[in-house]
Every structure is written in C-alpha cells, then in structure tokens.
C-alpha cells in the first residue's frame, strides 16, 4: 500500500518540485472533504498546483496529503458570509467547493490573489497554446 500511495502521489505531483521556491506557502485550516472537520495544514502553491501537508517541513520525500490542480479551479473568493467564520474563503473546482480559513484578513487576501493569478495564468496558457478557447 505504501508504494501504491507513493506512486499515486507522484502522479498527482506531476513533476513539480514543491519542496523549494513556492509561489506561496503557509498555514491554512481546511474543511475535510468527507468528514467536515477543520484541520490545519501547510499549503504550497507552485506551478499550477496547490499541495497540502501535515507539517511545514517539506522535503523531496514528503507525500502531499492532497493536491488541487489549478486547471480545475473555476473561482476563489471570500466566504465569511457563507460559512460564518472569520478569514474564510472558498475555492470552486469543476468537482467540488472547498472551504479554507486563513489566520488573518491579509493572509486570506494574499491567498485569494495568488491562487487567482495562478488560475488566470493557466487559462491564458490554454488560450496561447492554440490561439482559441
């Protein structure tokens, strides 16, 4: 099972060296996908992927707890009014809506801006690849 998990992780990682020079990284609290508890995780945004880990000590041997491909992201926006928690934001993908809590309003805005830029960069690269949508 360990080998299978590592192979699955490598597939999701897609060759991104997440352990150095991230576009953005930091602690966020994420709502679980199935069991809706809140867990604090270390997030890394790099090369069109958002990774999360249990610890901020990320190395080449770290296996992400999860990966979101920015190409599947539709929008990111504040969500205090939806889930009634401070510094909340939501990330909508083609499959799901995920909720996150930042430690401050500035952190929330910085994540929204960084992921928003990554979404725009990805959509621009799609347009430039073949000149059409």
Protein backbone atom coordinates (compact mmCIF):
# COMPACT_ATOMS: atom_id res chain seq x y z
CA UNK A 1 0.00 0.00 0.00
CA UNK A 2 2.88 2.38 0.80
CA UNK A 3 4.35 2.00 -2.71
CA UNK A 4 0.91 2.49 -4.28
CA UNK A 5 0.39 5.68 -2.23
CA UNK A 6 3.79 7.00 -3.32
CA UNK A 7 3.05 6.23 -7.00
CA UNK A 8 -0.38 7.89 -6.74
CA UNK A 9 1.24 10.91 -5.07
CA UNK A 10 3.92 11.16 -7.78
CA UNK A 11 1.21 11.05 -10.42
CA UNK A 12 -0.69 13.92 -8.74
CA UNK A 13 2.51 15.90 -8.12
CA UNK A 14 3.23 15.92 -11.86
CA UNK A 15 6.96 16.60 -11.55
CA UNK A 16 6.53 19.81 -9.51
CA UNK A 17 9.39 20.30 -7.03
CA UNK A 18 7.07 21.52 -4.26
CA UNK A 19 9.79 21.46 -1.57
CA UNK A 20 11.52 24.68 -2.69
CA UNK A 21 10.75 28.13 -4.14
CA UNK A 22 6.94 28.07 -3.88
CA UNK A 23 4.90 30.92 -5.35
CA UNK A 24 3.10 30.98 -1.99
CA UNK A 25 3.09 28.83 1.13
CA UNK A 26 1.62 29.00 4.61
CA UNK A 27 -0.75 27.56 7.18
CA UNK A 28 -4.46 27.37 6.36
CA UNK A 29 -7.27 25.48 8.02
CA UNK A 30 -9.12 23.30 5.52
CA UNK A 31 -12.50 21.67 5.83
CA UNK A 32 -12.34 17.92 5.24
CA UNK A 33 -13.72 16.50 2.02
CA UNK A 34 -15.90 13.76 3.53
CA UNK A 35 -15.84 14.33 7.28
CA UNK A 36 -16.44 18.09 7.58
CA UNK A 37 -13.96 18.72 10.40
CA UNK A 38 -11.44 21.55 10.20
CA UNK A 39 -7.75 20.66 10.04
CA UNK A 40 -4.71 22.92 9.96
CA UNK A 41 -2.40 22.11 7.06
CA UNK A 42 0.70 23.60 5.40
CA UNK A 43 -0.18 24.70 1.86
CA UNK A 44 2.19 25.19 -1.07
CA UNK A 45 1.22 26.84 -4.37
CA UNK A 46 3.62 26.11 -7.21
CA UNK A 47 3.44 25.63 -11.00
CA UNK A 48 -0.32 25.42 -11.21
CA UNK A 49 -0.80 23.05 -8.27
CA UNK A 50 -1.84 23.54 -4.65
CA UNK A 51 -0.36 20.94 -2.30
CA UNK A 52 -1.05 20.43 1.39
CA UNK A 53 0.92 18.68 4.09
CA UNK A 54 0.64 17.98 7.83
CA UNK A 55 3.92 19.81 8.54
CA UNK A 56 5.75 22.82 7.11
CA UNK A 57 8.93 20.75 6.96
CA UNK A 58 8.52 19.77 3.32
CA UNK A 59 11.25 17.76 1.57
CA UNK A 60 11.55 15.78 -1.68
CA UNK A 61 10.38 12.73 0.34
CA UNK A 62 7.21 14.43 1.61
CA UNK A 63 3.96 12.96 0.35
CA UNK A 64 1.23 15.58 -0.05
CA UNK A 65 -1.99 14.95 1.88
CA UNK A 66 -3.72 16.33 -1.19
CA UNK A 67 -3.24 18.20 -4.47
CA UNK A 68 -5.54 20.61 -6.29
CA UNK A 69 -4.81 21.24 -9.96
CA UNK A 70 -5.35 24.93 -10.73
CA UNK A 71 -6.61 23.90 -14.20
CA UNK A 72 -9.72 22.53 -12.42
CA UNK A 73 -10.29 25.75 -10.44
CA UNK A 74 -13.17 27.97 -11.51
CA UNK A 75 -13.09 30.69 -8.84
CA UNK A 76 -11.73 31.72 -5.46
CA UNK A 77 -13.46 34.27 -3.24
CA UNK A 78 -14.20 35.26 0.33
CA UNK A 79 -16.74 33.08 2.17
CA UNK A 80 -17.27 34.60 5.64
CA UNK A 81 -20.95 35.20 4.85
CA UNK A 82 -21.44 31.59 3.66
CA UNK A 83 -19.83 29.63 6.49
CA UNK A 84 -19.90 32.37 9.17
CA UNK A 85 -16.22 32.10 10.10
CA UNK A 86 -13.56 34.84 10.09
CA UNK A 87 -10.98 34.94 7.26
CA UNK A 88 -12.85 32.23 5.29
CA UNK A 89 -12.58 31.71 1.54
CA UNK A 90 -13.88 29.18 -0.92
CA UNK A 91 -12.22 27.55 -3.91
CA UNK A 92 -14.61 26.23 -6.55
CA UNK A 93 -13.34 23.49 -8.83
CA UNK A 94 -15.01 21.50 -11.59
CA UNK A 95 -15.67 18.76 -8.98
CA UNK A 96 -16.14 20.47 -5.63
CA UNK A 97 -16.32 23.60 -3.47
CA UNK A 98 -13.67 23.68 -0.75
CA UNK A 99 -13.55 25.99 2.25
CA UNK A 100 -10.43 27.36 3.93
CA UNK A 101 -9.68 29.60 6.90
CA UNK A 102 -6.66 31.91 6.94
CA UNK A 103 -5.10 33.30 10.13
CA UNK A 104 -5.81 36.93 9.18
CA UNK A 105 -7.62 39.03 6.61
CA UNK A 106 -4.30 39.84 4.93
CA UNK A 107 -3.42 36.12 4.67
CA UNK A 108 -6.86 35.43 3.19
CA UNK A 109 -6.47 38.20 0.59
CA UNK A 110 -2.91 37.08 -0.25
CA UNK A 111 -4.08 33.50 -0.88
CA UNK A 112 -7.08 34.66 -2.95
CA UNK A 113 -4.79 36.89 -5.05
CA UNK A 114 -2.06 34.25 -5.51
CA UNK A 115 -4.46 31.47 -6.49
CA UNK A 116 -6.48 33.89 -8.63
CA UNK A 117 -3.31 34.84 -10.54
CA UNK A 118 -2.46 31.14 -10.99
CA UNK A 119 -5.97 30.49 -12.39
CA UNK A 120 -5.61 33.40 -14.84
CA UNK A 121 -2.09 32.27 -15.84
CA UNK A 122 -3.39 28.77 -16.53
CA UNK A 123 -6.35 29.99 -18.60
CA UNK A 124 -4.05 32.35 -20.56
CA UNK A 125 -1.66 29.47 -21.32
CA UNK A 126 -4.61 27.47 -22.69
CA UNK A 127 -5.57 30.33 -25.00
CA UNK A 128 -1.99 30.90 -26.19
CA UNK A 129 -1.31 27.22 -26.88
CA UNK A 130 -3.64 27.00 -29.86
CA UNK A 131 -4.91 30.56 -30.28
CA UNK A 132 -8.50 29.62 -29.42
CA UNK A 133 -10.57 28.85 -26.34
